[in-house]
């Protein structure tokens, strides 16, 4: 799910708020909000996020398309531990931190409105 896309985030947040509001929960677990890439950049097919929103955001921040780094014919193709790869990994970490904060705030708003007890 591309939670960087504002429309997707809004739809998912609505569903989560509805779910949290329907039941008497003893907490909410947000532990799986990260980009899982078991083989890292060595397996481009499973390396996330590479959706259009993520690529556009990275292109805006770094001036290049991360997809170029997986194209062996590109001058930007990365091998091993390159500065370009580190730059994209740092970008992913920032996106993850922002998404986690955003979801904590979403759950906190539900807690405030319905007296759900959430431990941190």
Protein backbone atom coordinates (compact mmCIF):
# COMPACT_ATOMS: atom_id res chain seq x y z
CA UNK A 1 0.00 0.00 0.00
CA UNK A 2 1.41 3.36 -1.01
CA UNK A 3 0.79 5.40 2.15
CA UNK A 4 2.81 8.28 0.70
CA UNK A 5 -0.06 8.90 -1.69
CA UNK A 6 -2.42 11.36 0.04
CA UNK A 7 -5.57 9.69 -1.32
CA UNK A 8 -4.42 6.23 -0.27
CA UNK A 9 -3.43 7.49 3.18
CA UNK A 10 -6.80 9.19 3.61
CA UNK A 11 -8.72 6.04 2.62
CA UNK A 12 -6.65 3.78 4.89
CA UNK A 13 -6.84 6.26 7.79
CA UNK A 14 -10.64 6.35 7.46
CA UNK A 15 -10.77 2.57 7.61
CA UNK A 16 -8.41 2.40 10.60
CA UNK A 17 -10.37 5.07 12.47
CA UNK A 18 -13.58 3.16 11.79
CA UNK A 19 -12.08 -0.12 12.96
CA UNK A 20 -10.59 1.39 16.11
CA UNK A 21 -13.87 3.13 16.91
CA UNK A 22 -16.02 0.01 16.54
CA UNK A 23 -14.44 -2.13 19.24
CA UNK A 24 -13.19 -1.80 22.82
CA UNK A 25 -9.46 -2.16 22.18
CA UNK A 26 -6.75 -2.44 24.81
CA UNK A 27 -4.22 -0.90 22.43
CA UNK A 28 -3.02 -0.53 18.85
CA UNK A 29 0.15 -1.99 17.39
CA UNK A 30 1.89 0.09 14.72
CA UNK A 31 5.08 -1.97 14.68
CA UNK A 32 5.05 -2.90 10.98
CA UNK A 33 5.28 0.57 9.45
CA UNK A 34 8.53 0.31 7.50
CA UNK A 35 9.85 -0.77 4.12
CA UNK A 36 10.79 -4.42 4.10
CA UNK A 37 13.39 -5.44 1.56
CA UNK A 38 14.89 -8.70 2.75
CA UNK A 39 17.61 -8.67 0.12
CA UNK A 40 18.01 -4.90 0.06
CA UNK A 41 18.98 -3.20 -3.18
CA UNK A 42 20.39 -6.50 -4.48
CA UNK A 43 16.83 -7.48 -5.46
CA UNK A 44 15.25 -4.48 -7.21
CA UNK A 45 11.94 -6.33 -7.70
CA UNK A 46 11.40 -6.35 -3.93
CA UNK A 47 13.10 -3.08 -3.01
CA UNK A 48 10.56 -0.55 -1.76
CA UNK A 49 9.29 2.10 -2.03
CA UNK A 50 9.63 2.49 -5.77
CA UNK A 51 6.12 3.74 -6.57
CA UNK A 52 5.61 6.96 -8.51
CA UNK A 53 5.06 9.07 -5.39
CA UNK A 54 8.26 7.87 -3.71
CA UNK A 55 10.27 8.29 -6.90
CA UNK A 56 8.92 11.82 -7.42
CA UNK A 57 9.67 12.79 -3.81
CA UNK A 58 13.23 11.46 -4.05
CA UNK A 59 13.69 13.11 -7.44
CA UNK A 60 12.56 16.40 -5.89
CA UNK A 61 14.89 16.01 -2.89
CA UNK A 62 17.94 14.55 -4.62
CA UNK A 63 17.56 15.57 -8.24
CA UNK A 64 17.53 12.03 -9.57
CA UNK A 65 15.23 9.09 -10.06
CA UNK A 66 16.06 6.14 -7.80
CA UNK A 67 14.97 3.75 -10.56
CA UNK A 68 18.05 4.86 -12.53
CA UNK A 69 20.17 3.19 -9.89
CA UNK A 70 18.77 -0.22 -10.84
CA UNK A 71 19.35 0.24 -14.58
CA UNK A 72 22.74 -1.27 -15.43
CA UNK A 73 22.95 0.89 -18.56
CA UNK A 74 22.55 4.07 -16.49
CA UNK A 75 25.54 6.12 -15.40
CA UNK A 76 23.88 6.22 -11.97
CA UNK A 77 23.70 2.42 -11.59
CA UNK A 78 24.86 1.55 -8.10
CA UNK A 79 27.01 -1.36 -7.16
CA UNK A 80 27.49 -2.31 -3.57
CA UNK A 81 27.71 0.48 -1.04
CA UNK A 82 27.56 3.61 -3.20
CA UNK A 83 26.75 7.18 -2.06
CA UNK A 84 23.58 7.07 -4.21
CA UNK A 85 22.34 3.97 -2.42
CA UNK A 86 23.05 5.51 0.98
CA UNK A 87 21.18 8.65 -0.06
CA UNK A 88 18.12 6.59 -1.03
CA UNK A 89 18.33 4.48 2.14
CA UNK A 90 18.41 7.68 4.21
CA UNK A 91 15.42 8.95 2.24
CA UNK A 92 13.52 5.71 3.01
CA UNK A 93 14.37 6.04 6.71
CA UNK A 94 12.99 9.59 6.71
CA UNK A 95 9.79 8.50 4.99
CA UNK A 96 9.40 5.70 7.55
CA UNK A 97 9.89 8.08 10.49
CA UNK A 98 7.34 10.53 9.08
CA UNK A 99 4.80 7.77 8.40
CA UNK A 100 5.20 6.37 11.89
CA UNK A 101 4.64 9.82 13.43
CA UNK A 102 1.64 10.38 11.17
CA UNK A 103 0.04 7.07 12.19
CA UNK A 104 0.75 7.61 15.88
CA UNK A 105 -1.10 10.91 15.55
CA UNK A 106 -4.02 9.22 13.76
CA UNK A 107 -4.36 6.63 16.54
CA UNK A 108 -3.93 9.31 19.19
CA UNK A 109 -6.84 11.27 17.70
CA UNK A 110 -9.04 8.16 17.90
CA UNK A 111 -7.93 7.59 21.49
CA UNK A 112 -8.79 11.16 22.46
CA UNK A 113 -12.21 10.94 20.84
CA UNK A 114 -13.21 7.53 22.20
CA UNK A 115 -11.19 7.03 25.39
CA UNK A 116 -9.26 4.09 23.94
CA UNK A 117 -6.28 3.21 26.15
CA UNK A 118 -3.06 3.04 24.15
CA UNK A 119 0.27 2.31 25.79
CA UNK A 120 3.50 3.66 24.31
